[in-house]
PDB file of N, CA and C in Angstrom:
ATOM      1  N   MET A   1     -44.968  19.718  32.690  1.00  0.00           N
ATOM      2  CA  MET A   1     -44.057  18.670  32.281  1.00  0.00           C
ATOM      3  C   MET A   1     -44.038  18.570  30.755  1.00  0.00           C
ATOM      4  N   ASN A   2     -42.865  18.465  30.187  1.00  0.00           N
ATOM      5  CA  ASN A   2     -42.691  18.357  28.745  1.00  0.00           C
ATOM      6  C   ASN A   2     -42.844  16.899  28.320  1.00  0.00           C
ATOM      7  N   ASN A   3     -43.878  16.605  27.532  1.00  0.00           N
ATOM      8  CA  ASN A   3     -44.120  15.247  27.064  1.00  0.00           C
ATOM      9  C   ASN A   3     -43.518  14.985  25.697  1.00  0.00           C
ATOM     10  N   LYS A   4     -42.746  15.907  25.193  1.00  0.00           N
ATOM     11  CA  LYS A   4     -42.153  15.747  23.874  1.00  0.00           C
ATOM     12  C   LYS A   4     -40.935  14.842  23.938  1.00  0.00           C
ATOM     13  N   GLN A   5     -40.731  14.131  22.850  1.00  0.00           N
ATOM     14  CA  GLN A   5     -39.518  13.341  22.696  1.00  0.00           C
ATOM     15  C   GLN A   5     -38.363  14.297  22.393  1.00  0.00           C
ATOM     16  N   TRP A   6     -37.125  13.882  22.635  1.00  0.00           N
ATOM     17  CA  TRP A   6     -35.958  14.737  22.420  1.00  0.00           C
ATOM     18  C   TRP A   6     -35.898  15.257  20.992  1.00  0.00           C
ATOM     19  N   TYR A   7     -36.241  14.414  20.027  1.00  0.00           N
ATOM     20  CA  TYR A   7     -36.144  14.827  18.623  1.00  0.00           C
ATOM     21  C   TYR A   7     -37.229  15.842  18.260  1.00  0.00           C
ATOM     22  N   GLU A   8     -38.355  15.810  18.958  1.00  0.00           N
ATOM     23  CA  GLU A   8     -39.398  16.807  18.710  1.00  0.00           C
ATOM     24  C   GLU A   8     -38.930  18.189  19.162  1.00  0.00           C
ATOM     25  N   THR A   9     -38.262  18.247  20.297  1.00  0.00           N
ATOM     26  CA  THR A   9     -37.726  19.509  20.798  1.00  0.00           C
ATOM     27  C   THR A   9     -36.590  19.997  19.896  1.00  0.00           C
ATOM     28  N   LEU A  10     -35.721  19.077  19.500  1.00  0.00           N
ATOM     29  CA  LEU A  10     -34.574  19.433  18.663  1.00  0.00           C
ATOM     30  C   LEU A  10     -35.005  20.089  17.351  1.00  0.00           C
ATOM     31  N   PHE A  11     -36.032  19.543  16.714  1.00  0.00           N
ATOM     32  CA  PHE A  11     -36.456  20.036  15.403  1.00  0.00           C
ATOM     33  C   PHE A  11     -37.654  20.980  15.452  1.00  0.00           C
ATOM     34  N   GLU A  12     -38.030  21.419  16.631  1.00  0.00           N
ATOM     35  CA  GLU A  12     -39.231  22.230  16.812  1.00  0.00           C
ATOM     36  C   GLU A  12     -39.296  23.447  15.889  1.00  0.00           C
ATOM     37  N   ASN A  13     -38.240  24.193  15.778  1.00  0.00           N
ATOM     38  CA  ASN A  13     -38.238  25.392  14.940  1.00  0.00           C
ATOM     39  C   ASN A  13     -37.271  25.294  13.767  1.00  0.00           C
ATOM     40  N   TYR A  14     -36.763  24.115  13.523  1.00  0.00           N
ATOM     41  CA  TYR A  14     -35.753  23.916  12.491  1.00  0.00           C
ATOM     42  C   TYR A  14     -36.309  24.142  11.083  1.00  0.00           C
ATOM     43  N   GLY A  15     -37.601  23.976  10.896  1.00  0.00           N
ATOM     44  CA  GLY A  15     -38.218  24.158   9.589  1.00  0.00           C
ATOM     45  C   GLY A  15     -37.998  25.545   9.007  1.00  0.00           C
ATOM     46  N   GLN A  16     -37.814  26.527   9.858  1.00  0.00           N
ATOM     47  CA  GLN A  16     -37.626  27.896   9.384  1.00  0.00           C
ATOM     48  C   GLN A  16     -36.267  28.112   8.730  1.00  0.00           C
ATOM     49  N   LYS A  17     -35.263  27.308   9.098  1.00  0.00           N
ATOM     50  CA  LYS A  17     -33.925  27.528   8.532  1.00  0.00           C
ATOM     51  C   LYS A  17     -33.384  26.334   7.752  1.00  0.00           C
ATOM     52  N   TYR A  18     -34.088  25.226   7.759  1.00  0.00           N
ATOM     53  CA  TYR A  18     -33.631  23.984   7.134  1.00  0.00           C
ATOM     54  C   TYR A  18     -33.209  24.183   5.679  1.00  0.00           C
ATOM     55  N   ASP A  19     -34.022  24.848   4.882  1.00  0.00           N
ATOM     56  CA  ASP A  19     -33.750  24.983   3.451  1.00  0.00           C
ATOM     57  C   ASP A  19     -32.543  25.869   3.142  1.00  0.00           C
ATOM     58  N   ASN A  20     -32.006  26.540   4.137  1.00  0.00           N
ATOM     59  CA  ASN A  20     -30.798  27.348   3.936  1.00  0.00           C
ATOM     60  C   ASN A  20     -29.522  26.597   4.299  1.00  0.00           C
ATOM     61  N   GLU A  21     -29.668  25.360   4.785  1.00  0.00           N
ATOM     62  CA  GLU A  21     -28.492  24.556   5.124  1.00  0.00           C
ATOM     63  C   GLU A  21     -27.755  24.174   3.842  1.00  0.00           C
ATOM     64  N   CYS A  22     -26.444  24.076   3.904  1.00  0.00           N
ATOM     65  CA  CYS A  22     -25.646  23.810   2.696  1.00  0.00           C
ATOM     66  C   CYS A  22     -25.971  22.464   2.065  1.00  0.00           C
ATOM     67  N   PHE A  23     -26.332  21.476   2.861  1.00  0.00           N
ATOM     68  CA  PHE A  23     -26.606  20.157   2.296  1.00  0.00           C
ATOM     69  C   PHE A  23     -27.893  20.093   1.472  1.00  0.00           C
ATOM     70  N   THR A  24     -28.716  21.125   1.523  1.00  0.00           N
ATOM     71  CA  THR A  24     -29.967  21.111   0.760  1.00  0.00           C
ATOM     72  C   THR A  24     -29.781  21.613  -0.668  1.00  0.00           C
ATOM     73  N   LYS A  25     -28.614  22.072  -1.009  1.00  0.00           N
ATOM     74  CA  LYS A  25     -28.392  22.692  -2.326  1.00  0.00           C
ATOM     75  C   LYS A  25     -28.278  21.690  -3.462  1.00  0.00           C
ATOM     76  N   GLY A  26     -28.169  20.398  -3.159  1.00  0.00           N
ATOM     77  CA  GLY A  26     -28.012  19.384  -4.201  1.00  0.00           C
ATOM     78  C   GLY A  26     -29.291  18.667  -4.581  1.00  0.00           C
ATOM     79  N   THR A  27     -30.426  19.250  -4.265  1.00  0.00           N
ATOM     80  CA  THR A  27     -31.710  18.576  -4.460  1.00  0.00           C
ATOM     81  C   THR A  27     -31.935  18.133  -5.904  1.00  0.00           C
ATOM     82  N   ILE A  28     -31.666  18.986  -6.862  1.00  0.00           N
ATOM     83  CA  ILE A  28     -31.904  18.651  -8.276  1.00  0.00           C
ATOM     84  C   ILE A  28     -31.077  17.426  -8.673  1.00  0.00           C
ATOM     85  N   GLY A  29     -29.795  17.443  -8.359  1.00  0.00           N
ATOM     86  CA  GLY A  29     -28.918  16.314  -8.679  1.00  0.00           C
ATOM     87  C   GLY A  29     -29.317  15.040  -7.962  1.00  0.00           C
ATOM     88  N   GLU A  30     -29.748  15.162  -6.712  1.00  0.00           N
ATOM     89  CA  GLU A  30     -30.187  14.000  -5.948  1.00  0.00           C
ATOM     90  C   GLU A  30     -31.437  13.391  -6.567  1.00  0.00           C
ATOM     91  N   CYS A  31     -32.355  14.241  -7.008  1.00  0.00           N
ATOM     92  CA  CYS A  31     -33.576  13.746  -7.655  1.00  0.00           C
ATOM     93  C   CYS A  31     -33.270  13.161  -9.030  1.00  0.00           C
ATOM     94  N   ASP A  32     -32.301  13.729  -9.742  1.00  0.00           N
ATOM     95  CA  ASP A  32     -31.854  13.145 -11.009  1.00  0.00           C
ATOM     96  C   ASP A  32     -31.370  11.717 -10.768  1.00  0.00           C
ATOM     97  N   PHE A  33     -30.562  11.542  -9.716  1.00  0.00           N
ATOM     98  CA  PHE A  33     -30.036  10.225  -9.359  1.00  0.00           C
ATOM     99  C   PHE A  33     -31.175   9.253  -9.029  1.00  0.00           C
ATOM    100  N   LEU A  34     -32.131   9.704  -8.209  1.00  0.00           N
ATOM    101  CA  LEU A  34     -33.258   8.842  -7.838  1.00  0.00           C
ATOM    102  C   LEU A  34     -34.053   8.407  -9.059  1.00  0.00           C
ATOM    103  N   GLU A  35     -34.283   9.339  -9.970  1.00  0.00           N
ATOM    104  CA  GLU A  35     -35.025   9.004 -11.190  1.00  0.00           C
ATOM    105  C   GLU A  35     -34.312   7.915 -11.987  1.00  0.00           C
ATOM    106  N   LYS A  36     -33.015   8.017 -12.105  1.00  0.00           N
ATOM    107  CA  LYS A  36     -32.254   6.992 -12.828  1.00  0.00           C
ATOM    108  C   LYS A  36     -32.351   5.649 -12.120  1.00  0.00           C
ATOM    109  N   GLU A  37     -32.276   5.676 -10.792  1.00  0.00           N
ATOM    110  CA  GLU A  37     -32.338   4.440 -10.014  1.00  0.00           C
ATOM    111  C   GLU A  37     -33.686   3.722 -10.159  1.00  0.00           C
ATOM    112  N   ILE A  38     -34.748   4.471 -10.319  1.00  0.00           N
ATOM    113  CA  ILE A  38     -36.074   3.844 -10.481  1.00  0.00           C
ATOM    114  C   ILE A  38     -36.462   3.761 -11.959  1.00  0.00           C
ATOM    115  N   ASP A  39     -35.489   3.987 -12.822  1.00  0.00           N
ATOM    116  CA  ASP A  39     -35.662   3.867 -14.265  1.00  0.00           C
ATOM    117  C   ASP A  39     -36.793   4.760 -14.791  1.00  0.00           C
ATOM    118  N   PHE A  40     -36.936   5.940 -14.193  1.00  0.00           N
ATOM    119  CA  PHE A  40     -37.911   6.947 -14.631  1.00  0.00           C
ATOM    120  C   PHE A  40     -39.341   6.406 -14.656  1.00  0.00           C
ATOM    121  N   ASN A  41     -39.636   5.416 -13.803  1.00  0.00           N
ATOM    122  CA  ASN A  41     -40.951   4.772 -13.774  1.00  0.00           C
ATOM    123  C   ASN A  41     -41.932   5.606 -12.945  1.00  0.00           C
ATOM    124  N   LYS A  42     -42.767   6.355 -13.624  1.00  0.00           N
ATOM    125  CA  LYS A  42     -43.720   7.243 -12.946  1.00  0.00           C
ATOM    126  C   LYS A  42     -44.942   6.497 -12.406  1.00  0.00           C
ATOM    127  N   GLU A  43     -45.020   5.192 -12.656  1.00  0.00           N
ATOM    128  CA  GLU A  43     -46.112   4.397 -12.088  1.00  0.00           C
ATOM    129  C   GLU A  43     -45.829   4.002 -10.641  1.00  0.00           C
ATOM    130  N   LEU A  44     -44.573   4.119 -10.227  1.00  0.00           N
ATOM    131  CA  LEU A  44     -44.214   3.785  -8.850  1.00  0.00           C
ATOM    132  C   LEU A  44     -44.776   4.814  -7.885  1.00  0.00           C
ATOM    133  N   LYS A  45     -45.112   4.352  -6.693  1.00  0.00           N
ATOM    134  CA  LYS A  45     -45.488   5.253  -5.608  1.00  0.00           C
ATOM    135  C   LYS A  45     -44.280   5.333  -4.690  1.00  0.00           C
ATOM    136  N   ILE A  46     -43.856   6.554  -4.400  1.00  0.00           N
ATOM    137  CA  ILE A  46     -42.627   6.774  -3.643  1.00  0.00           C
ATOM    138  C   ILE A  46     -42.965   7.269  -2.247  1.00  0.00           C
ATOM    139  N   ILE A  47     -42.276   6.715  -1.258  1.00  0.00           N
ATOM    140  CA  ILE A  47     -42.416   7.189   0.119  1.00  0.00           C
ATOM    141  C   ILE A  47     -41.095   7.862   0.505  1.00  0.00           C
ATOM    142  N   ASP A  48     -41.183   9.094   0.939  1.00  0.00           N
ATOM    143  CA  ASP A  48     -40.019   9.887   1.340  1.00  0.00           C
ATOM    144  C   ASP A  48     -39.991   9.914   2.868  1.00  0.00           C
ATOM    145  N   ILE A  49     -39.237   8.986   3.442  1.00  0.00           N
ATOM    146  CA  ILE A  49     -39.165   8.875   4.904  1.00  0.00           C
ATOM    147  C   ILE A  49     -38.126   9.860   5.413  1.00  0.00           C
ATOM    148  N   GLY A  50     -38.546  10.692   6.351  1.00  0.00           N
ATOM    149  CA  GLY A  50     -37.683  11.775   6.822  1.00  0.00           C
ATOM    150  C   GLY A  50     -37.685  12.895   5.794  1.00  0.00           C
ATOM    151  N   CYS A  51     -38.868  13.246   5.323  1.00  0.00           N
ATOM    152  CA  CYS A  51     -39.007  14.193   4.203  1.00  0.00           C
ATOM    153  C   CYS A  51     -38.633  15.626   4.556  1.00  0.00           C
ATOM    154  N   GLY A  52     -38.536  15.929   5.839  1.00  0.00           N
ATOM    155  CA  GLY A  52     -38.150  17.290   6.226  1.00  0.00           C
ATOM    156  C   GLY A  52     -39.096  18.322   5.649  1.00  0.00           C
ATOM    157  N   THR A  53     -38.555  19.315   4.978  1.00  0.00           N
ATOM    158  CA  THR A  53     -39.379  20.383   4.404  1.00  0.00           C
ATOM    159  C   THR A  53     -39.887  20.038   3.007  1.00  0.00           C
ATOM    160  N   GLY A  54     -39.719  18.781   2.608  1.00  0.00           N
ATOM    161  CA  GLY A  54     -40.293  18.314   1.354  1.00  0.00           C
ATOM    162  C   GLY A  54     -39.467  18.585   0.115  1.00  0.00           C
ATOM    163  N   ARG A  55     -38.187  18.868   0.281  1.00  0.00           N
ATOM    164  CA  ARG A  55     -37.412  19.261  -0.893  1.00  0.00           C
ATOM    165  C   ARG A  55     -37.377  18.174  -1.964  1.00  0.00           C
ATOM    166  N   HIS A  56     -37.214  16.905  -1.589  1.00  0.00           N
ATOM    167  CA  HIS A  56     -37.233  15.832  -2.587  1.00  0.00           C
ATOM    168  C   HIS A  56     -38.670  15.530  -3.023  1.00  0.00           C
ATOM    169  N   SER A  57     -39.582  15.491  -2.079  1.00  0.00           N
ATOM    170  CA  SER A  57     -40.986  15.192  -2.404  1.00  0.00           C
ATOM    171  C   SER A  57     -41.546  16.185  -3.417  1.00  0.00           C
ATOM    172  N   ILE A  58     -41.297  17.446  -3.186  1.00  0.00           N
ATOM    173  CA  ILE A  58     -41.840  18.482  -4.070  1.00  0.00           C
ATOM    174  C   ILE A  58     -41.167  18.424  -5.443  1.00  0.00           C
ATOM    175  N   GLU A  59     -39.857  18.258  -5.465  1.00  0.00           N
ATOM    176  CA  GLU A  59     -39.152  18.182  -6.749  1.00  0.00           C
ATOM    177  C   GLU A  59     -39.608  16.966  -7.552  1.00  0.00           C
ATOM    178  N   LEU A  60     -39.766  15.818  -6.898  1.00  0.00           N
ATOM    179  CA  LEU A  60     -40.216  14.623  -7.614  1.00  0.00           C
ATOM    180  C   LEU A  60     -41.677  14.744  -8.038  1.00  0.00           C
ATOM    181  N   SER A  61     -42.506  15.408  -7.248  1.00  0.00           N
ATOM    182  CA  SER A  61     -43.890  15.685  -7.654  1.00  0.00           C
ATOM    183  C   SER A  61     -43.906  16.554  -8.897  1.00  0.00           C
ATOM    184  N   LYS A  62     -43.053  17.538  -8.916  1.00  0.00           N
ATOM    185  CA  LYS A  62     -42.928  18.432 -10.062  1.00  0.00           C
ATOM    186  C   LYS A  62     -42.599  17.640 -11.339  1.00  0.00           C
ATOM    187  N   ARG A  63     -41.877  16.536 -11.157  1.00  0.00           N
ATOM    188  CA  ARG A  63     -41.486  15.693 -12.277  1.00  0.00           C
ATOM    189  C   ARG A  63     -42.536  14.634 -12.616  1.00  0.00           C
ATOM    190  N   GLY A  64     -43.640  14.623 -11.870  1.00  0.00           N
ATOM    191  CA  GLY A  64     -44.750  13.733 -12.199  1.00  0.00           C
ATOM    192  C   GLY A  64     -44.863  12.456 -11.392  1.00  0.00           C
ATOM    193  N   TYR A  65     -44.130  12.353 -10.286  1.00  0.00           N
ATOM    194  CA  TYR A  65     -44.193  11.155  -9.449  1.00  0.00           C
ATOM    195  C   TYR A  65     -45.219  11.316  -8.329  1.00  0.00           C
ATOM    196  N   SER A  66     -45.764  10.197  -7.885  1.00  0.00           N
ATOM    197  CA  SER A  66     -46.692  10.165  -6.755  1.00  0.00           C
ATOM    198  C   SER A  66     -45.872   9.949  -5.487  1.00  0.00           C
ATOM    199  N   ILE A  67     -45.910  10.925  -4.580  1.00  0.00           N
ATOM    200  CA  ILE A  67     -45.047  10.925  -3.391  1.00  0.00           C
ATOM    201  C   ILE A  67     -45.870  11.024  -2.111  1.00  0.00           C
ATOM    202  N   THR A  68     -45.448  10.279  -1.106  1.00  0.00           N
ATOM    203  CA  THR A  68     -45.939  10.472   0.256  1.00  0.00           C
ATOM    204  C   THR A  68     -44.726  10.793   1.119  1.00  0.00           C
ATOM    205  N   GLY A  69     -44.746  11.936   1.774  1.00  0.00           N
ATOM    206  CA  GLY A  69     -43.657  12.334   2.654  1.00  0.00           C
ATOM    207  C   GLY A  69     -44.029  12.079   4.107  1.00  0.00           C
ATOM    208  N   ILE A  70     -43.093  11.548   4.867  1.00  0.00           N
ATOM    209  CA  ILE A  70     -43.315  11.241   6.282  1.00  0.00           C
ATOM    210  C   ILE A  70     -42.169  11.830   7.093  1.00  0.00           C
ATOM    211  N   ASP A  71     -42.505  12.465   8.207  1.00  0.00           N
ATOM    212  CA  ASP A  71     -41.480  13.002   9.089  1.00  0.00           C
ATOM    213  C   ASP A  71     -42.000  13.003  10.519  1.00  0.00           C
ATOM    214  N   LEU A  72     -41.095  13.018  11.474  1.00  0.00           N
ATOM    215  CA  LEU A  72     -41.449  13.099  12.885  1.00  0.00           C
ATOM    216  C   LEU A  72     -41.699  14.531  13.338  1.00  0.00           C
ATOM    217  N   SER A  73     -41.129  15.477  12.625  1.00  0.00           N
ATOM    218  CA  SER A  73     -41.168  16.872  13.043  1.00  0.00           C
ATOM    219  C   SER A  73     -42.348  17.619  12.433  1.00  0.00           C
ATOM    220  N   GLU A  74     -43.226  18.092  13.280  1.00  0.00           N
ATOM    221  CA  GLU A  74     -44.380  18.856  12.805  1.00  0.00           C
ATOM    222  C   GLU A  74     -43.949  20.178  12.177  1.00  0.00           C
ATOM    223  N   SER A  75     -42.895  20.815  12.713  1.00  0.00           N
ATOM    224  CA  SER A  75     -42.471  22.094  12.132  1.00  0.00           C
ATOM    225  C   SER A  75     -41.895  21.899  10.732  1.00  0.00           C
ATOM    226  N   LEU A  76     -41.162  20.812  10.507  1.00  0.00           N
ATOM    227  CA  LEU A  76     -40.645  20.539   9.173  1.00  0.00           C
ATOM    228  C   LEU A  76     -41.790  20.208   8.217  1.00  0.00           C
ATOM    229  N   LEU A  77     -42.754  19.417   8.686  1.00  0.00           N
ATOM    230  CA  LEU A  77     -43.911  19.091   7.852  1.00  0.00           C
ATOM    231  C   LEU A  77     -44.731  20.335   7.520  1.00  0.00           C
ATOM    232  N   GLN A  78     -44.867  21.230   8.466  1.00  0.00           N
ATOM    233  CA  GLN A  78     -45.612  22.455   8.210  1.00  0.00           C
ATOM    234  C   GLN A  78     -44.952  23.270   7.109  1.00  0.00           C
ATOM    235  N   LYS A  79     -43.632  23.348   7.160  1.00  0.00           N
ATOM    236  CA  LYS A  79     -42.886  24.056   6.113  1.00  0.00           C
ATOM    237  C   LYS A  79     -43.070  23.345   4.767  1.00  0.00           C
ATOM    238  N   ALA A  80     -43.054  22.021   4.774  1.00  0.00           N
ATOM    239  CA  ALA A  80     -43.264  21.247   3.540  1.00  0.00           C
ATOM    240  C   ALA A  80     -44.662  21.513   2.974  1.00  0.00           C
ATOM    241  N   ARG A  81     -45.656  21.561   3.850  1.00  0.00           N
ATOM    242  CA  ARG A  81     -47.031  21.843   3.403  1.00  0.00           C
ATOM    243  C   ARG A  81     -47.128  23.238   2.780  1.00  0.00           C
ATOM    244  N   GLU A  82     -46.492  24.212   3.412  1.00  0.00           N
ATOM    245  CA  GLU A  82     -46.497  25.582   2.886  1.00  0.00           C
ATOM    246  C   GLU A  82     -45.847  25.636   1.510  1.00  0.00           C
ATOM    247  N   LYS A  83     -44.692  24.982   1.370  1.00  0.00           N
ATOM    248  CA  LYS A  83     -43.995  24.974   0.086  1.00  0.00           C
ATOM    249  C   LYS A  83     -44.811  24.252  -0.985  1.00  0.00           C
ATOM    250  N   ALA A  84     -45.406  23.121  -0.629  1.00  0.00           N
ATOM    251  CA  ALA A  84     -46.210  22.363  -1.594  1.00  0.00           C
ATOM    252  C   ALA A  84     -47.420  23.179  -2.035  1.00  0.00           C
ATOM    253  N   LEU A  85     -48.055  23.847  -1.102  1.00  0.00           N
ATOM    254  CA  LEU A  85     -49.216  24.680  -1.424  1.00  0.00           C
ATOM    255  C   LEU A  85     -48.799  25.841  -2.324  1.00  0.00           C
ATOM    256  N   GLN A  86     -47.705  26.473  -2.003  1.00  0.00           N
ATOM    257  CA  GLN A  86     -47.197  27.594  -2.791  1.00  0.00           C
ATOM    258  C   GLN A  86     -46.878  27.163  -4.228  1.00  0.00           C
ATOM    259  N   LYS A  87     -46.360  25.937  -4.368  1.00  0.00           N
ATOM    260  CA  LYS A  87     -45.997  25.437  -5.699  1.00  0.00           C
ATOM    261  C   LYS A  87     -47.128  24.628  -6.332  1.00  0.00           C
ATOM    262  N   ARG A  88     -48.251  24.580  -5.625  1.00  0.00           N
ATOM    263  CA  ARG A  88     -49.459  23.900  -6.099  1.00  0.00           C
ATOM    264  C   ARG A  88     -49.261  22.405  -6.342  1.00  0.00           C
ATOM    265  N   PHE A  89     -48.570  21.752  -5.414  1.00  0.00           N
ATOM    266  CA  PHE A  89     -48.408  20.310  -5.461  1.00  0.00           C
ATOM    267  C   PHE A  89     -49.195  19.703  -4.322  1.00  0.00           C
ATOM    268  N   ALA A  90     -49.910  18.645  -4.623  1.00  0.00           N
ATOM    269  CA  ALA A  90     -50.759  17.999  -3.618  1.00  0.00           C
ATOM    270  C   ALA A  90     -50.059  16.770  -3.060  1.00  0.00           C
ATOM    271  N   ASN A  91     -48.924  16.961  -2.429  1.00  0.00           N
ATOM    272  CA  ASN A  91     -48.222  15.853  -1.803  1.00  0.00           C
ATOM    273  C   ASN A  91     -48.970  15.427  -0.553  1.00  0.00           C
ATOM    274  N   LYS A  92     -48.904  14.141  -0.279  1.00  0.00           N
ATOM    275  CA  LYS A  92     -49.435  13.638   0.977  1.00  0.00           C
ATOM    276  C   LYS A  92     -48.293  13.735   1.985  1.00  0.00           C
ATOM    277  N   LEU A  93     -48.473  14.504   3.038  1.00  0.00           N
ATOM    278  CA  LEU A  93     -47.442  14.712   4.049  1.00  0.00           C
ATOM    279  C   LEU A  93     -47.990  14.287   5.402  1.00  0.00           C
ATOM    280  N   LEU A  94     -47.351  13.311   6.018  1.00  0.00           N
ATOM    281  CA  LEU A  94     -47.858  12.712   7.242  1.00  0.00           C
ATOM    282  C   LEU A  94     -46.849  12.813   8.381  1.00  0.00           C
ATOM    283  N   LYS A  95     -47.365  13.004   9.587  1.00  0.00           N
ATOM    284  CA  LYS A  95     -46.497  12.962  10.757  1.00  0.00           C
ATOM    285  C   LYS A  95     -46.453  11.519  11.254  1.00  0.00           C
ATOM    286  N   ALA A  96     -45.267  10.974  11.372  1.00  0.00           N
ATOM    287  CA  ALA A  96     -45.098   9.606  11.856  1.00  0.00           C
ATOM    288  C   ALA A  96     -45.044   9.640  13.372  1.00  0.00           C
ATOM    289  N   ARG A  97     -45.973   8.993  13.994  1.00  0.00           N
ATOM    290  CA  ARG A  97     -46.005   8.963  15.465  1.00  0.00           C
ATOM    291  C   ARG A  97     -45.674   7.572  16.001  1.00  0.00           C
ATOM    292  N   ARG A  98     -45.659   6.602  15.120  1.00  0.00           N
ATOM    293  CA  ARG A  98     -45.406   5.236  15.554  1.00  0.00           C
ATOM    294  C   ARG A  98     -44.695   4.474  14.446  1.00  0.00           C
ATOM    295  N   LYS A  99     -44.301   3.245  14.732  1.00  0.00           N
ATOM    296  CA  LYS A  99     -43.558   2.471  13.765  1.00  0.00           C
ATOM    297  C   LYS A  99     -44.445   1.871  12.684  1.00  0.00           C
ATOM    298  N   LYS A 100     -45.708   1.656  12.982  1.00  0.00           N
ATOM    299  CA  LYS A 100     -46.629   1.087  11.990  1.00  0.00           C
ATOM    300  C   LYS A 100     -47.740   2.087  11.711  1.00  0.00           C
ATOM    301  N   PHE A 101     -48.014   2.299  10.449  1.00  0.00           N
ATOM    302  CA  PHE A 101     -49.094   3.190  10.067  1.00  0.00           C
ATOM    303  C   PHE A 101     -49.570   2.836   8.671  1.00  0.00           C
ATOM    304  N   ALA A 102     -50.779   3.212   8.354  1.00  0.00           N
ATOM    305  CA  ALA A 102     -51.368   2.913   7.052  1.00  0.00           C
ATOM    306  C   ALA A 102     -51.200   4.104   6.138  1.00  0.00           C
ATOM    307  N   LEU A 103     -50.882   3.833   4.889  1.00  0.00           N
ATOM    308  CA  LEU A 103     -50.805   4.882   3.881  1.00  0.00           C
ATOM    309  C   LEU A 103     -52.081   4.852   3.121  1.00  0.00           C
TER     310      LEU A 103
END
């Protein structure tokens, strides 16, 4: 019997192709926008809910921000961990299993 939620099955192997999707190509501009919105305040701690493969988390870490990425998909988080390790960023990446959790 499959005990997985529908979204776990849907995104099970999506991490392998996620970064090639057309909507991921605007990461730099999106992070530029976020930085302006938070007034470039690097003292803030940022939570990236639905972080996927970590494209925003890693880019903002590269810019000196403290980021915690959260996602429901283990395959997307695994890809994010691989990318963060490859780029030598120590992002905190967590799998969200419930509505309440401690950071």
